[in-house]
Amino acid sequence: MTEIYGIELEMIHYGCVVDLLAIYGQLEEAWKFITIMPVQPDSDMWTSFLSCFFHKNQELSKIAIEKLLK
């Protein structure tokens, strides 16, 4: 986006990617994306990731809850 459109990436852009991945059950991909982002995830990011509950991944859900509570 930066090179082609000149748009600087912000937290909202990263959050959208995490949200889409988590909603469609790509939890491992969402987790990998969060760990390689050049910014620290915020509470909105962890809230998006909490859709893991809906996909029955309790291990990743616990991590998201811990991060959100911090």
PDB file of N, CA and C in Angstrom:
ATOM      1  N   MET A   1       0.817  -1.185   0.000  1.00  0.00           N
ATOM      2  CA  MET A   1       0.000   0.000   0.000  1.00  0.00           C
ATOM      3  C   MET A   1       0.861   1.250   0.000  1.00  0.00           C
ATOM      4  N   THR A   2       1.976   1.184   0.705  1.00  0.00           N
ATOM      5  CA  THR A   2       2.834   2.357   0.798  1.00  0.00           C
ATOM      6  C   THR A   2       3.491   2.654  -0.543  1.00  0.00           C
ATOM      7  N   GLU A   3       4.047   1.623  -1.166  1.00  0.00           N
ATOM      8  CA  GLU A   3       4.763   1.828  -2.419  1.00  0.00           C
ATOM      9  C   GLU A   3       3.836   2.191  -3.572  1.00  0.00           C
ATOM     10  N   ILE A   4       2.708   1.540  -3.676  1.00  0.00           N
ATOM     11  CA  ILE A   4       1.816   1.756  -4.812  1.00  0.00           C
ATOM     12  C   ILE A   4       0.910   2.961  -4.613  1.00  0.00           C
ATOM     13  N   TYR A   5       0.295   3.061  -3.429  1.00  0.00           N
ATOM     14  CA  TYR A   5      -0.709   4.096  -3.196  1.00  0.00           C
ATOM     15  C   TYR A   5      -0.246   5.243  -2.292  1.00  0.00           C
ATOM     16  N   GLY A   6       0.933   5.111  -1.717  1.00  0.00           N
ATOM     17  CA  GLY A   6       1.440   6.163  -0.850  1.00  0.00           C
ATOM     18  C   GLY A   6       0.724   6.255   0.486  1.00  0.00           C
ATOM     19  N   ILE A   7       0.084   5.165   0.897  1.00  0.00           N
ATOM     20  CA  ILE A   7      -0.658   5.137   2.161  1.00  0.00           C
ATOM     21  C   ILE A   7       0.228   4.517   3.232  1.00  0.00           C
ATOM     22  N   GLU A   8       0.440   5.265   4.295  1.00  0.00           N
ATOM     23  CA  GLU A   8       1.208   4.735   5.419  1.00  0.00           C
ATOM     24  C   GLU A   8       0.314   3.788   6.218  1.00  0.00           C
ATOM     25  N   LEU A   9       0.830   2.612   6.525  1.00  0.00           N
ATOM     26  CA  LEU A   9       0.058   1.633   7.277  1.00  0.00           C
ATOM     27  C   LEU A   9      -0.116   2.072   8.720  1.00  0.00           C
ATOM     28  N   GLU A  10      -1.316   1.928   9.210  1.00  0.00           N
ATOM     29  CA  GLU A  10      -1.643   2.263  10.591  1.00  0.00           C
ATOM     30  C   GLU A  10      -2.217   1.033  11.279  1.00  0.00           C
ATOM     31  N   MET A  11      -2.426   1.144  12.571  1.00  0.00           N
ATOM     32  CA  MET A  11      -2.922   0.023  13.356  1.00  0.00           C
ATOM     33  C   MET A  11      -4.236  -0.509  12.792  1.00  0.00           C
ATOM     34  N   ILE A  12      -5.088   0.355  12.299  1.00  0.00           N
ATOM     35  CA  ILE A  12      -6.385  -0.070  11.766  1.00  0.00           C
ATOM     36  C   ILE A  12      -6.210  -1.039  10.590  1.00  0.00           C
ATOM     37  N   HIS A  13      -5.187  -0.830   9.778  1.00  0.00           N
ATOM     38  CA  HIS A  13      -4.943  -1.711   8.640  1.00  0.00           C
ATOM     39  C   HIS A  13      -4.520  -3.104   9.117  1.00  0.00           C
ATOM     40  N   TYR A  14      -3.621  -3.127  10.092  1.00  0.00           N
ATOM     41  CA  TYR A  14      -3.185  -4.408  10.641  1.00  0.00           C
ATOM     42  C   TYR A  14      -4.350  -5.120  11.327  1.00  0.00           C
ATOM     43  N   GLY A  15      -5.169  -4.342  12.025  1.00  0.00           N
ATOM     44  CA  GLY A  15      -6.332  -4.919  12.712  1.00  0.00           C
ATOM     45  C   GLY A  15      -7.311  -5.552  11.746  1.00  0.00           C
ATOM     46  N   CYS A  16      -7.508  -4.933  10.602  1.00  0.00           N
ATOM     47  CA  CYS A  16      -8.423  -5.493   9.599  1.00  0.00           C
ATOM     48  C   CYS A  16      -7.929  -6.846   9.098  1.00  0.00           C
ATOM     49  N   VAL A  17      -6.630  -6.955   8.881  1.00  0.00           N
ATOM     50  CA  VAL A  17      -6.067  -8.231   8.418  1.00  0.00           C
ATOM     51  C   VAL A  17      -6.271  -9.306   9.485  1.00  0.00           C
ATOM     52  N   VAL A  18      -5.961  -8.981  10.730  1.00  0.00           N
ATOM     53  CA  VAL A  18      -6.137  -9.949  11.824  1.00  0.00           C
ATOM     54  C   VAL A  18      -7.600 -10.345  11.951  1.00  0.00           C
ATOM     55  N   ASP A  19      -8.489  -9.374  11.889  1.00  0.00           N
ATOM     56  CA  ASP A  19      -9.918  -9.639  12.008  1.00  0.00           C
ATOM     57  C   ASP A  19     -10.397 -10.579  10.907  1.00  0.00           C
ATOM     58  N   LEU A  20     -10.017 -10.304   9.675  1.00  0.00           N
ATOM     59  CA  LEU A  20     -10.442 -11.154   8.562  1.00  0.00           C
ATOM     60  C   LEU A  20      -9.899 -12.575   8.690  1.00  0.00           C
ATOM     61  N   LEU A  21      -8.642 -12.688   9.046  1.00  0.00           N
ATOM     62  CA  LEU A  21      -8.058 -14.018   9.208  1.00  0.00           C
ATOM     63  C   LEU A  21      -8.752 -14.794  10.327  1.00  0.00           C
ATOM     64  N   ALA A  22      -8.981 -14.144  11.450  1.00  0.00           N
ATOM     65  CA  ALA A  22      -9.607 -14.817  12.589  1.00  0.00           C
ATOM     66  C   ALA A  22     -11.051 -15.196  12.278  1.00  0.00           C
ATOM     67  N   ILE A  23     -11.796 -14.309  11.637  1.00  0.00           N
ATOM     68  CA  ILE A  23     -13.199 -14.588  11.313  1.00  0.00           C
ATOM     69  C   ILE A  23     -13.319 -15.820  10.425  1.00  0.00           C
ATOM     70  N   TYR A  24     -12.387 -15.957   9.491  1.00  0.00           N
ATOM     71  CA  TYR A  24     -12.462 -17.083   8.565  1.00  0.00           C
ATOM     72  C   TYR A  24     -11.690 -18.307   9.044  1.00  0.00           C
ATOM     73  N   GLY A  25     -11.357 -18.314  10.335  1.00  0.00           N
ATOM     74  CA  GLY A  25     -10.780 -19.507  10.936  1.00  0.00           C
ATOM     75  C   GLY A  25      -9.303 -19.709  10.676  1.00  0.00           C
ATOM     76  N   GLN A  26      -8.634 -18.737  10.108  1.00  0.00           N
ATOM     77  CA  GLN A  26      -7.204 -18.837   9.838  1.00  0.00           C
ATOM     78  C   GLN A  26      -6.417 -18.333  11.050  1.00  0.00           C
ATOM     79  N   LEU A  27      -6.611 -19.028  12.168  1.00  0.00           N
ATOM     80  CA  LEU A  27      -6.064 -18.553  13.442  1.00  0.00           C
ATOM     81  C   LEU A  27      -4.552 -18.588  13.492  1.00  0.00           C
ATOM     82  N   GLU A  28      -3.972 -19.635  12.950  1.00  0.00           N
ATOM     83  CA  GLU A  28      -2.507 -19.725  12.952  1.00  0.00           C
ATOM     84  C   GLU A  28      -1.912 -18.605  12.103  1.00  0.00           C
ATOM     85  N   GLU A  29      -2.532 -18.323  10.975  1.00  0.00           N
ATOM     86  CA  GLU A  29      -2.063 -17.232  10.124  1.00  0.00           C
ATOM     87  C   GLU A  29      -2.220 -15.881  10.824  1.00  0.00           C
ATOM     88  N   ALA A  30      -3.341 -15.702  11.508  1.00  0.00           N
ATOM     89  CA  ALA A  30      -3.567 -14.454  12.248  1.00  0.00           C
ATOM     90  C   ALA A  30      -2.509 -14.299  13.335  1.00  0.00           C
ATOM     91  N   TRP A  31      -2.227 -15.387  14.041  1.00  0.00           N
ATOM     92  CA  TRP A  31      -1.218 -15.343  15.102  1.00  0.00           C
ATOM     93  C   TRP A  31       0.153 -15.005  14.530  1.00  0.00           C
ATOM     94  N   LYS A  32       0.519 -15.642  13.421  1.00  0.00           N
ATOM     95  CA  LYS A  32       1.808 -15.356  12.783  1.00  0.00           C
ATOM     96  C   LYS A  32       1.889 -13.889  12.358  1.00  0.00           C
ATOM     97  N   PHE A  33       0.797 -13.390  11.807  1.00  0.00           N
ATOM     98  CA  PHE A  33       0.765 -11.999  11.363  1.00  0.00           C
ATOM     99  C   PHE A  33       0.979 -11.055  12.538  1.00  0.00           C
ATOM    100  N   ILE A  34       0.313 -11.328  13.659  1.00  0.00           N
ATOM    101  CA  ILE A  34       0.467 -10.487  14.850  1.00  0.00           C
ATOM    102  C   ILE A  34       1.915 -10.488  15.329  1.00  0.00           C
ATOM    103  N   THR A  35       2.558 -11.639  15.286  1.00  0.00           N
ATOM    104  CA  THR A  35       3.927 -11.731  15.805  1.00  0.00           C
ATOM    105  C   THR A  35       4.962 -11.070  14.904  1.00  0.00           C
ATOM    106  N   ILE A  36       4.644 -10.851  13.624  1.00  0.00           N
ATOM    107  CA  ILE A  36       5.633 -10.228  12.728  1.00  0.00           C
ATOM    108  C   ILE A  36       5.311  -8.768  12.399  1.00  0.00           C
ATOM    109  N   MET A  37       4.208  -8.253  12.937  1.00  0.00           N
ATOM    110  CA  MET A  37       3.857  -6.856  12.665  1.00  0.00           C
ATOM    111  C   MET A  37       4.945  -5.930  13.197  1.00  0.00           C
ATOM    112  N   PRO A  38       5.214  -4.835  12.498  1.00  0.00           N
ATOM    113  CA  PRO A  38       6.236  -3.895  12.969  1.00  0.00           C
ATOM    114  C   PRO A  38       5.745  -2.978  14.092  1.00  0.00           C
ATOM    115  N   VAL A  39       4.494  -3.145  14.509  1.00  0.00           N
ATOM    116  CA  VAL A  39       3.924  -2.351  15.606  1.00  0.00           C
ATOM    117  C   VAL A  39       3.418  -3.296  16.684  1.00  0.00           C
ATOM    118  N   GLN A  40       3.333  -2.796  17.910  1.00  0.00           N
ATOM    119  CA  GLN A  40       2.797  -3.595  19.010  1.00  0.00           C
ATOM    120  C   GLN A  40       1.278  -3.661  18.893  1.00  0.00           C
ATOM    121  N   PRO A  41       0.700  -4.864  18.988  1.00  0.00           N
ATOM    122  CA  PRO A  41      -0.756  -4.970  18.918  1.00  0.00           C
ATOM    123  C   PRO A  41      -1.427  -4.261  20.087  1.00  0.00           C
ATOM    124  N   ASP A  42      -2.549  -3.619  19.805  1.00  0.00           N
ATOM    125  CA  ASP A  42      -3.284  -2.915  20.855  1.00  0.00           C
ATOM    126  C   ASP A  42      -4.489  -3.752  21.291  1.00  0.00           C
ATOM    127  N   SER A  43      -5.293  -3.208  22.168  1.00  0.00           N
ATOM    128  CA  SER A  43      -6.441  -3.959  22.695  1.00  0.00           C
ATOM    129  C   SER A  43      -7.455  -4.282  21.602  1.00  0.00           C
ATOM    130  N   ASP A  44      -7.610  -3.402  20.627  1.00  0.00           N
ATOM    131  CA  ASP A  44      -8.531  -3.690  19.522  1.00  0.00           C
ATOM    132  C   ASP A  44      -8.068  -4.910  18.727  1.00  0.00           C
ATOM    133  N   MET A  45      -6.765  -5.019  18.568  1.00  0.00           N
ATOM    134  CA  MET A  45      -6.198  -6.153  17.830  1.00  0.00           C
ATOM    135  C   MET A  45      -6.505  -7.462  18.559  1.00  0.00           C
ATOM    136  N   TRP A  46      -6.294  -7.459  19.876  1.00  0.00           N
ATOM    137  CA  TRP A  46      -6.551  -8.677  20.647  1.00  0.00           C
ATOM    138  C   TRP A  46      -8.042  -8.986  20.694  1.00  0.00           C
ATOM    139  N   THR A  47      -8.875  -7.969  20.695  1.00  0.00           N
ATOM    140  CA  THR A  47     -10.319  -8.189  20.670  1.00  0.00           C
ATOM    141  C   THR A  47     -10.726  -8.856  19.363  1.00  0.00           C
ATOM    142  N   SER A  48     -10.156  -8.409  18.260  1.00  0.00           N
ATOM    143  CA  SER A  48     -10.427  -9.035  16.970  1.00  0.00           C
ATOM    144  C   SER A  48      -9.984 -10.492  16.985  1.00  0.00           C
ATOM    145  N   PHE A  49      -8.846 -10.711  17.584  1.00  0.00           N
ATOM    146  CA  PHE A  49      -8.307 -12.073  17.622  1.00  0.00           C
ATOM    147  C   PHE A  49      -9.157 -12.998  18.491  1.00  0.00           C
ATOM    148  N   LEU A  50      -9.943 -12.423  19.397  1.00  0.00           N
ATOM    149  CA  LEU A  50     -10.775 -13.231  20.289  1.00  0.00           C
ATOM    150  C   LEU A  50     -11.880 -13.993  19.560  1.00  0.00           C
ATOM    151  N   SER A  51     -12.053 -13.723  18.296  1.00  0.00           N
ATOM    152  CA  SER A  51     -13.024 -14.526  17.553  1.00  0.00           C
ATOM    153  C   SER A  51     -12.577 -15.990  17.507  1.00  0.00           C
ATOM    154  N   CYS A  52     -11.378 -16.260  18.029  1.00  0.00           N
ATOM    155  CA  CYS A  52     -10.911 -17.643  18.166  1.00  0.00           C
ATOM    156  C   CYS A  52     -11.906 -18.475  18.964  1.00  0.00           C
ATOM    157  N   PHE A  53     -12.591 -17.823  19.918  1.00  0.00           N
ATOM    158  CA  PHE A  53     -13.587 -18.542  20.706  1.00  0.00           C
ATOM    159  C   PHE A  53     -14.615 -19.205  19.808  1.00  0.00           C
ATOM    160  N   PHE A  54     -14.979 -18.507  18.767  1.00  0.00           N
ATOM    161  CA  PHE A  54     -15.996 -19.021  17.870  1.00  0.00           C
ATOM    162  C   PHE A  54     -15.491 -20.185  17.040  1.00  0.00           C
ATOM    163  N   HIS A  55     -14.186 -20.334  16.970  1.00  0.00           N
ATOM    164  CA  HIS A  55     -13.596 -21.419  16.205  1.00  0.00           C
ATOM    165  C   HIS A  55     -13.032 -22.515  17.115  1.00  0.00           C
ATOM    166  N   LYS A  56     -13.336 -22.413  18.396  1.00  0.00           N
ATOM    167  CA  LYS A  56     -12.988 -23.432  19.392  1.00  0.00           C
ATOM    168  C   LYS A  56     -11.489 -23.628  19.599  1.00  0.00           C
ATOM    169  N   ASN A  57     -10.706 -22.589  19.429  1.00  0.00           N
ATOM    170  CA  ASN A  57      -9.283 -22.693  19.704  1.00  0.00           C
ATOM    171  C   ASN A  57      -9.010 -22.032  21.046  1.00  0.00           C
ATOM    172  N   GLN A  58      -9.122 -22.817  22.094  1.00  0.00           N
ATOM    173  CA  GLN A  58      -8.991 -22.275  23.439  1.00  0.00           C
ATOM    174  C   GLN A  58      -7.570 -21.837  23.757  1.00  0.00           C
ATOM    175  N   GLU A  59      -6.592 -22.497  23.182  1.00  0.00           N
ATOM    176  CA  GLU A  59      -5.197 -22.142  23.467  1.00  0.00           C
ATOM    177  C   GLU A  59      -4.894 -20.718  22.995  1.00  0.00           C
ATOM    178  N   LEU A  60      -5.238 -20.407  21.757  1.00  0.00           N
ATOM    179  CA  LEU A  60      -4.992 -19.063  21.248  1.00  0.00           C
ATOM    180  C   LEU A  60      -5.909 -18.044  21.903  1.00  0.00           C
ATOM    181  N   SER A  61      -7.105 -18.462  22.266  1.00  0.00           N
ATOM    182  CA  SER A  61      -8.033 -17.557  22.950  1.00  0.00           C
ATOM    183  C   SER A  61      -7.482 -17.128  24.300  1.00  0.00           C
ATOM    184  N   LYS A  62      -6.878 -18.066  25.026  1.00  0.00           N
ATOM    185  CA  LYS A  62      -6.293 -17.741  26.326  1.00  0.00           C
ATOM    186  C   LYS A  62      -5.181 -16.707  26.181  1.00  0.00           C
ATOM    187  N   ILE A  63      -4.352 -16.869  25.156  1.00  0.00           N
ATOM    188  CA  ILE A  63      -3.265 -15.923  24.922  1.00  0.00           C
ATOM    189  C   ILE A  63      -3.842 -14.541  24.648  1.00  0.00           C
ATOM    190  N   ALA A  64      -4.876 -14.479  23.799  1.00  0.00           N
ATOM    191  CA  ALA A  64      -5.492 -13.194  23.455  1.00  0.00           C
ATOM    192  C   ALA A  64      -6.092 -12.532  24.690  1.00  0.00           C
ATOM    193  N   ILE A  65      -6.740 -13.303  25.539  1.00  0.00           N
ATOM    194  CA  ILE A  65      -7.352 -12.748  26.756  1.00  0.00           C
ATOM    195  C   ILE A  65      -6.276 -12.199  27.678  1.00  0.00           C
ATOM    196  N   GLU A  66      -5.174 -12.951  27.844  1.00  0.00           N
ATOM    197  CA  GLU A  66      -4.080 -12.476  28.689  1.00  0.00           C
ATOM    198  C   GLU A  66      -3.512 -11.159  28.184  1.00  0.00           C
ATOM    199  N   LYS A  67      -3.315 -11.072  26.862  1.00  0.00           N
ATOM    200  CA  LYS A  67      -2.785  -9.852  26.264  1.00  0.00           C
ATOM    201  C   LYS A  67      -3.760  -8.700  26.424  1.00  0.00           C
ATOM    202  N   LEU A  68      -5.032  -8.979  26.264  1.00  0.00           N
ATOM    203  CA  LEU A  68      -6.063  -7.953  26.363  1.00  0.00           C
ATOM    204  C   LEU A  68      -6.160  -7.415  27.785  1.00  0.00           C
ATOM    205  N   LEU A  69      -6.008  -8.287  28.773  1.00  0.00           N
ATOM    206  CA  LEU A  69      -6.096  -7.861  30.161  1.00  0.00           C
ATOM    207  C   LEU A  69      -4.895  -7.025  30.608  1.00  0.00           C
ATOM    208  N   LYS A  70      -3.775  -7.165  29.899  1.00  0.00           N
ATOM    209  CA  LYS A  70      -2.586  -6.366  30.228  1.00  0.00           C
ATOM    210  C   LYS A  70      -2.830  -4.970  29.770  1.00  0.00           C
TER     211      LYS A  70
END
